[in-house]
Amino acid sequence: MKRFAAEVARMAWVILAVLVVVQVATVSGAGHHRFGYTKPEQRRWSKAHESCAGKHQSPIAISSGRAISLNIPAIEFVGYNNLLPGPITMHNNGHSVSFSIPKTDPSKGRHPYIFGGKMENEYELEGLHFHWGDKNNRGAEHVLNDVRYPMEMHIIHRNKKYKNVAEALGYSDGLTVLGFFYQVVEQESSEIGYLLRSFPLIEEYDQKATLNFTFTLNSLLGQLDRTRFYTYKGSLTTPPCSEAVTWVLFPDLLTISLTQIRRFRVLDTGMHGSPMVDNYRALQPIGNRRVFVRKVNSRNTAIDVVRNEIDLTKWDWTF
C-alpha cells in the first residue's frame, strides 16, 4: 500500500512538471504568430485569418496611366525632423526587421504624426519595417508601372482617435502606411547606413536589440520628393490582413547599395535555417478600388489645395 501511494505521488509530480513545461511553452509562444511567404504558405493565410481572403487586400500593382489624378492636399509631416524618443527596439520577428518606438508621456510631447492627403484625422507614428528580395529584381510588395523594386519600407501610423493598433485594426480608417521604394546603386546610402550597424545583434530569429542612439524620420528619407504620391484603400500585407489601411506610396526612390541590402538578406527566419528573403506578399486583385495620384502642374510642382475646395464626390475609394 505504501509503495502504491509513493508511486501515485511520483506520478503526480511528473504530471505537474509536464503541465508547468506546457504552460511555459504556451506563454513564451504567445504573440509569435509564424507564417511563411512561399505560394502554398500564403494560400494558407486565409485559413487562420478570414480577412486575408477579403476584397480590398494589399499589395496591388499600380499603373500611373490608370491612376486618377486629383488635386489632393499635401501630406504634412509633423515632427519628422525631431529625434525619435528612445529607447528604440529593433526586432528580427522572423518575417521582417521592425523598429518600435516606446510610448511617451503626453506631457513630454507627441510622436511624429501626419495629416492631409485623403486622411480625415491625424495619424501618429507606431513604427517601421522593411520587405526585400533575394535578388535585385524583386522584394518590394507593391509593383509600380510593372516594376518590382528590391526593397520597400513601411512607416506605420495609427489614427489618433484609436487607443492602440489592436483597436485601430477594427476600422477602415485605422491606419495609414507610407510606402517607400528602394533601388540598388553603387554608392552606400548614408540614410540607412547607421541602422545597419546594429544588424549583427539581430541576425538570429526573435533577437531584439535596444539601440544606443536615436534618429529622425527625415534622416531616413533624405531628399526624397514627398509632393507626389499614390493613395488607395487596402489592408495589412501580413496576417491578419485587416482591411484598415490607407496606403500612401511615393514613386520617388530611395537608394541602398548591394553591400547594404545583403545585410538584410542574411537575417535568419528561425525556420530550418532559411534566410529571410522574398518576404513580400503576392499581388492582390484591385477589384473595384480606385487608385488616386496627387496632381502636379506642368512645372512638376504639386498643387496644394484646401480640403473644402475639393469635389468630394470624386473621392470615393471604389467604383
Protein backbone atom coordinates (compact mmCIF):
# COMPACT_ATOMS: atom_id res chain seq x y z
CA MET A 1 0.00 0.00 0.00
CA LYS A 2 2.83 2.39 0.87
CA ARG A 3 4.55 1.51 -2.41
CA PHE A 4 1.33 2.28 -4.30
CA ALA A 5 0.96 5.66 -2.54
CA ALA A 6 4.56 6.53 -3.34
CA GLU A 7 4.02 5.65 -6.99
CA VAL A 8 0.89 7.83 -7.12
CA ALA A 9 2.81 10.72 -5.57
CA ARG A 10 5.64 10.31 -8.07
CA MET A 11 3.21 10.30 -10.99
CA ALA A 12 1.53 13.43 -9.63
CA TRP A 13 4.88 15.23 -9.63
CA VAL A 14 5.56 14.09 -13.21
CA ILE A 15 2.15 15.36 -14.35
CA LEU A 16 2.72 18.66 -12.56
CA ALA A 17 6.13 19.06 -14.19
CA VAL A 18 4.65 18.39 -17.62
CA LEU A 19 1.89 20.93 -17.02
CA VAL A 20 4.45 23.54 -15.96
CA VAL A 21 6.53 22.93 -19.10
CA VAL A 22 3.44 23.15 -21.31
CA GLN A 23 2.34 26.35 -19.60
CA VAL A 24 5.78 27.95 -20.00
CA ALA A 25 5.87 26.95 -23.68
CA THR A 26 2.40 28.37 -24.22
CA VAL A 27 3.24 31.69 -22.61
CA SER A 28 6.58 32.02 -24.38
CA GLY A 29 4.93 31.37 -27.72
CA ALA A 30 2.10 33.82 -27.20
CA GLY A 31 2.04 36.63 -29.70
CA HIS A 32 4.60 34.97 -32.01
CA HIS A 33 2.40 34.02 -34.95
CA ARG A 34 4.56 32.34 -37.58
CA PHE A 35 3.72 32.42 -41.25
CA GLY A 36 5.66 31.86 -44.44
CA TYR A 37 5.91 33.50 -47.84
CA THR A 38 6.00 30.56 -50.23
CA LYS A 39 2.96 30.30 -52.51
CA PRO A 40 1.43 27.36 -50.57
CA GLU A 41 2.07 29.13 -47.26
CA GLN A 42 0.45 32.36 -48.45
CA ARG A 43 -2.61 30.42 -49.62
CA ARG A 44 -2.98 29.11 -46.07
CA TRP A 45 -3.11 32.57 -44.52
CA SER A 46 -6.86 32.85 -45.05
CA LYS A 47 -7.49 29.59 -43.20
CA ALA A 48 -6.28 31.18 -39.98
CA HIS A 49 -7.33 34.74 -40.84
CA GLU A 50 -10.52 35.19 -42.85
CA SER A 51 -9.63 38.78 -43.74
CA CYS A 52 -6.74 37.53 -45.89
CA ALA A 53 -9.37 36.45 -48.44
CA GLY A 54 -11.07 39.87 -48.43
CA LYS A 55 -11.90 42.03 -51.44
CA HIS A 56 -9.69 45.00 -50.51
CA GLN A 57 -6.34 43.35 -49.90
CA SER A 58 -2.79 44.63 -50.34
CA PRO A 59 -0.37 44.87 -52.05
CA ILE A 60 -1.53 45.75 -55.55
CA ALA A 61 0.02 46.71 -58.88
CA ILE A 62 -0.19 50.44 -59.56
CA SER A 63 -0.19 51.99 -63.02
CA SER A 64 0.36 55.72 -63.35
CA GLY A 65 -1.72 55.66 -66.54
CA ARG A 66 -4.74 54.24 -64.74
CA ALA A 67 -4.47 56.22 -61.50
CA ILE A 68 -6.99 59.05 -61.10
CA SER A 69 -5.23 62.41 -60.94
CA LEU A 70 -6.78 64.77 -58.38
CA ASN A 71 -5.95 67.96 -56.53
CA ILE A 72 -5.23 66.08 -53.33
CA PRO A 73 -3.99 68.10 -50.34
CA ALA A 74 -0.34 67.77 -49.47
CA ILE A 75 0.65 65.44 -46.65
CA GLU A 76 2.08 67.28 -43.68
CA PHE A 77 4.88 65.54 -41.78
CA VAL A 78 4.89 66.89 -38.23
CA GLY A 79 7.84 66.01 -36.02
CA TYR A 80 9.67 64.12 -38.75
CA ASN A 81 12.70 66.31 -38.12
CA ASN A 82 12.71 65.59 -34.37
CA LEU A 83 14.77 62.83 -32.78
CA LEU A 84 12.54 59.87 -32.01
CA PRO A 85 12.04 59.12 -28.31
CA GLY A 86 14.16 56.23 -27.14
CA PRO A 87 14.98 53.58 -26.44
CA ILE A 88 14.13 52.28 -29.91
CA THR A 89 13.81 48.49 -30.18
CA MET A 90 14.93 46.61 -33.27
CA HIS A 91 13.46 43.11 -33.68
CA ASN A 92 14.00 40.16 -36.00
CA ASN A 93 10.48 38.72 -35.87
CA GLY A 94 11.11 36.02 -38.46
CA HIS A 95 9.35 37.78 -41.31
CA SER A 96 10.90 41.27 -41.21
CA VAL A 97 13.07 43.57 -39.16
CA SER A 98 10.96 46.08 -37.29
CA PHE A 99 11.69 49.23 -35.31
CA SER A 100 9.31 50.13 -32.49
CA ILE A 101 9.15 53.40 -30.60
CA PRO A 102 8.16 53.47 -26.92
CA LYS A 103 5.04 55.24 -25.79
CA THR A 104 5.79 58.57 -24.18
CA ASP A 105 4.17 60.68 -21.52
CA PRO A 106 1.82 63.06 -23.37
CA SER A 107 3.18 65.90 -21.25
CA LYS A 108 6.57 65.36 -22.92
CA GLY A 109 5.19 65.85 -26.40
CA ARG A 110 3.75 63.69 -29.15
CA HIS A 111 5.22 61.16 -31.51
CA PRO A 112 5.65 62.36 -35.08
CA TYR A 113 2.34 62.41 -36.94
CA ILE A 114 0.91 63.09 -40.38
CA PHE A 115 -2.24 64.64 -41.78
CA GLY A 116 -3.58 65.81 -45.13
CA GLY A 117 -3.90 63.75 -48.29
CA LYS A 118 -7.00 61.58 -48.05
CA MET A 119 -6.72 61.36 -44.26
CA GLU A 120 -9.53 62.92 -42.27
CA ASN A 121 -7.65 62.90 -38.98
CA GLU A 122 -4.12 62.95 -37.59
CA TYR A 123 -2.17 59.70 -37.65
CA GLU A 124 0.60 59.08 -35.11
CA LEU A 125 3.77 57.08 -35.69
CA GLU A 126 3.76 53.47 -34.49
CA GLY A 127 6.88 52.01 -36.10
CA LEU A 128 8.51 50.91 -39.32
CA HIS A 129 9.72 47.78 -41.08
CA PHE A 130 11.05 46.54 -44.42
CA HIS A 131 10.36 43.98 -47.15
CA TRP A 132 13.11 42.80 -49.53
CA GLY A 133 14.04 40.16 -52.07
CA ASP A 134 16.75 37.57 -52.62
CA LYS A 135 17.59 39.26 -55.92
CA ASN A 136 17.56 42.87 -57.06
CA ASN A 137 14.59 42.36 -59.38
CA ARG A 138 12.11 41.69 -56.57
CA GLY A 139 11.44 42.38 -52.90
CA ALA A 140 9.05 45.33 -52.75
CA GLU A 141 5.44 44.48 -52.06
CA HIS A 142 3.74 46.94 -54.37
CA VAL A 143 4.52 46.99 -58.08
CA LEU A 144 4.75 50.39 -59.75
CA ASN A 145 4.38 50.59 -63.53
CA ASP A 146 5.31 46.91 -63.92
CA VAL A 147 8.48 47.33 -61.83
CA ARG A 148 9.02 45.46 -58.58
CA TYR A 149 11.83 47.19 -56.73
CA PRO A 150 14.28 45.27 -54.49
CA MET A 151 13.04 46.73 -51.19
CA GLU A 152 10.13 48.64 -49.69
CA MET A 153 9.96 50.45 -46.35
CA HIS A 154 6.67 50.85 -44.49
CA ILE A 155 6.20 53.59 -41.88
CA ILE A 156 3.05 52.81 -39.89
CA HIS A 157 0.78 55.46 -38.40
CA ARG A 158 -2.32 54.97 -36.23
CA ASN A 159 -5.42 57.14 -36.31
CA LYS A 160 -5.17 59.12 -33.08
CA LYS A 161 -8.84 58.52 -32.25
CA TYR A 162 -8.00 54.86 -31.52
CA LYS A 163 -6.08 53.90 -28.39
CA ASN A 164 -3.78 51.37 -29.99
CA VAL A 165 -3.14 49.40 -33.17
CA ALA A 166 -5.28 46.49 -31.99
CA GLU A 167 -8.31 48.78 -31.77
CA ALA A 168 -7.43 50.60 -35.00
CA LEU A 169 -7.40 47.34 -36.97
CA GLY A 170 -11.14 47.07 -36.45
CA TYR A 171 -11.87 50.20 -38.51
CA SER A 172 -11.36 51.08 -42.16
CA ASP A 173 -9.66 54.36 -41.20
CA GLY A 174 -7.50 52.75 -38.53
CA LEU A 175 -4.03 53.04 -40.06
CA THR A 176 -2.12 54.96 -42.69
CA VAL A 177 1.03 53.30 -44.01
CA LEU A 178 3.60 55.23 -46.01
CA GLY A 179 5.44 53.09 -48.55
CA PHE A 180 8.87 53.95 -49.95
CA PHE A 181 10.74 52.07 -52.69
CA TYR A 182 14.50 51.42 -52.84
CA GLN A 183 16.75 50.94 -55.83
CA VAL A 184 20.21 49.35 -55.62
CA VAL A 185 23.09 51.66 -56.54
CA GLU A 186 26.87 51.51 -56.26
CA GLN A 187 27.28 54.14 -53.56
CA GLU A 188 26.35 53.29 -49.99
CA SER A 189 23.36 55.12 -48.55
CA SER A 190 24.05 57.26 -45.52
CA GLU A 191 20.30 57.38 -44.79
CA ILE A 192 20.06 53.69 -43.91
CA GLY A 193 23.70 53.02 -43.10
CA TYR A 194 23.55 53.85 -39.41
CA LEU A 195 20.65 51.43 -38.85
CA LEU A 196 22.62 48.59 -40.44
CA ARG A 197 25.42 48.93 -37.89
CA SER A 198 23.21 47.19 -35.33
CA PHE A 199 22.07 44.34 -37.60
CA PRO A 200 24.65 41.82 -36.24
CA LEU A 201 22.70 41.96 -32.96
CA ILE A 202 19.53 40.59 -34.59
CA GLU A 203 20.76 38.14 -37.20
CA GLU A 204 19.06 35.22 -35.41
CA TYR A 205 15.29 34.77 -35.22
CA ASP A 206 13.49 36.63 -32.41
CA GLN A 207 16.58 38.55 -31.37
CA LYS A 208 15.92 42.07 -30.15
CA ALA A 209 18.31 44.94 -29.65
CA THR A 210 17.87 48.27 -27.95
CA LEU A 211 19.56 50.96 -29.99
CA ASN A 212 22.03 53.15 -28.14
CA PHE A 213 21.15 56.03 -30.43
CA THR A 214 18.08 57.62 -31.92
CA PHE A 215 17.33 59.23 -35.27
CA THR A 216 14.82 61.34 -37.15
CA LEU A 217 12.41 60.01 -39.75
CA ASN A 218 13.58 62.70 -42.14
CA SER A 219 17.09 61.27 -41.92
CA LEU A 220 15.74 58.03 -43.43
CA LEU A 221 14.03 59.86 -46.28
CA GLY A 222 16.81 62.23 -47.31
CA GLN A 223 15.86 64.45 -50.25
CA LEU A 224 13.00 62.22 -51.40
CA ASP A 225 10.20 64.09 -53.18
CA ARG A 226 7.11 63.76 -50.99
CA THR A 227 4.89 66.08 -53.00
CA ARG A 228 3.69 63.38 -55.42
CA PHE A 229 2.13 60.16 -54.21
CA TYR A 230 -0.40 57.43 -54.94
CA THR A 231 -3.08 56.50 -52.43
CA TYR A 232 -5.68 53.75 -52.15
CA LYS A 233 -7.59 51.74 -49.56
CA GLY A 234 -6.23 48.33 -48.65
CA SER A 235 -5.04 46.06 -45.90
CA LEU A 236 -2.10 44.86 -43.88
CA THR A 237 0.17 42.81 -46.13
CA THR A 238 0.72 40.22 -43.39
CA PRO A 239 -1.75 38.23 -41.28
CA PRO A 240 -4.30 39.14 -40.00
CA CYS A 241 -4.62 41.15 -43.28
CA SER A 242 -7.03 43.62 -41.67
CA GLU A 243 -8.65 45.95 -44.21
CA ALA A 244 -7.89 49.00 -42.13
CA VAL A 245 -5.14 50.73 -44.11
CA THR A 246 -4.97 53.87 -46.20
CA TRP A 247 -1.87 53.35 -48.33
CA VAL A 248 0.30 56.26 -49.47
CA LEU A 249 3.07 55.28 -51.91
CA PHE A 250 5.81 57.60 -53.12
CA PRO A 251 7.23 57.00 -56.63
CA ASP A 252 10.47 58.87 -55.96
CA LEU A 253 13.16 56.36 -55.00
CA LEU A 254 15.45 55.87 -52.02
CA THR A 255 18.80 54.18 -52.56
CA ILE A 256 20.72 51.31 -51.00
CA SER A 257 23.97 49.65 -52.08
CA LEU A 258 24.37 45.96 -52.87
CA THR A 259 26.56 45.52 -49.79
CA GLN A 260 23.91 47.15 -47.62
CA ILE A 261 20.93 45.17 -48.90
CA ARG A 262 22.90 41.96 -48.36
CA ARG A 263 22.82 42.79 -44.64
CA PHE A 264 19.07 42.23 -44.79
CA ARG A 265 19.40 39.01 -46.77
CA VAL A 266 21.49 37.20 -44.14
CA LEU A 267 18.91 37.57 -41.37
CA ASP A 268 17.50 34.25 -40.14
CA THR A 269 13.81 33.33 -40.18
CA GLY A 270 14.13 30.67 -37.49
CA MET A 271 12.57 28.16 -39.90
CA HIS A 272 15.10 25.41 -40.69
CA GLY A 273 17.91 27.90 -41.16
CA SER A 274 16.20 29.65 -44.04
CA PRO A 275 17.45 33.18 -44.75
CA MET A 276 14.91 35.97 -44.56
CA VAL A 277 14.43 36.84 -48.23
CA ASP A 278 11.48 37.37 -50.57
CA ASN A 279 9.32 38.41 -47.62
CA TYR A 280 6.69 40.05 -49.78
CA ARG A 281 3.08 39.10 -50.36
CA ALA A 282 1.76 38.17 -53.80
CA LEU A 283 -0.15 40.90 -55.63
CA GLN A 284 -3.84 41.07 -54.80
CA PRO A 285 -6.74 41.88 -57.17
CA ILE A 286 -7.55 45.57 -57.24
CA GLY A 287 -11.23 44.77 -57.80
CA ASN A 288 -13.48 47.82 -57.77
CA ARG A 289 -11.00 50.07 -55.99
CA ARG A 290 -9.68 53.39 -57.26
CA VAL A 291 -6.06 54.49 -57.02
CA PHE A 292 -5.54 58.25 -56.80
CA VAL A 293 -2.40 60.18 -57.64
CA ARG A 294 -1.68 63.68 -56.44
CA LYS A 295 -1.87 66.07 -59.37
CA VAL A 296 1.17 68.10 -60.36
CA ASN A 297 1.28 71.02 -62.76
CA SER A 298 3.38 71.40 -65.90
CA ARG A 299 6.38 72.52 -63.85
CA ASN A 300 6.21 69.25 -61.92
CA THR A 301 5.23 71.19 -58.82
CA ALA A 302 2.49 69.67 -56.68
CA ILE A 303 -0.67 71.70 -56.35
CA ASP A 304 -1.64 72.47 -52.77
CA VAL A 305 -5.38 72.80 -52.23
CA VAL A 306 -7.68 73.37 -49.32
CA ARG A 307 -9.72 70.27 -48.47
CA ASN A 308 -13.09 72.03 -48.64
CA GLU A 309 -12.37 73.13 -52.22
CA ILE A 310 -12.29 69.52 -53.45
CA ASP A 311 -15.24 67.88 -55.16
CA LEU A 312 -15.69 65.15 -52.57
CA THR A 313 -17.81 63.05 -54.95
CA LYS A 314 -14.56 62.16 -56.72
CA TRP A 315 -13.09 60.80 -53.52
CA ASP A 316 -14.97 57.51 -53.39
CA TRP A 317 -12.45 54.74 -52.92
CA THR A 318 -14.45 52.30 -55.07
CA PHE A 319 -16.35 52.44 -58.35
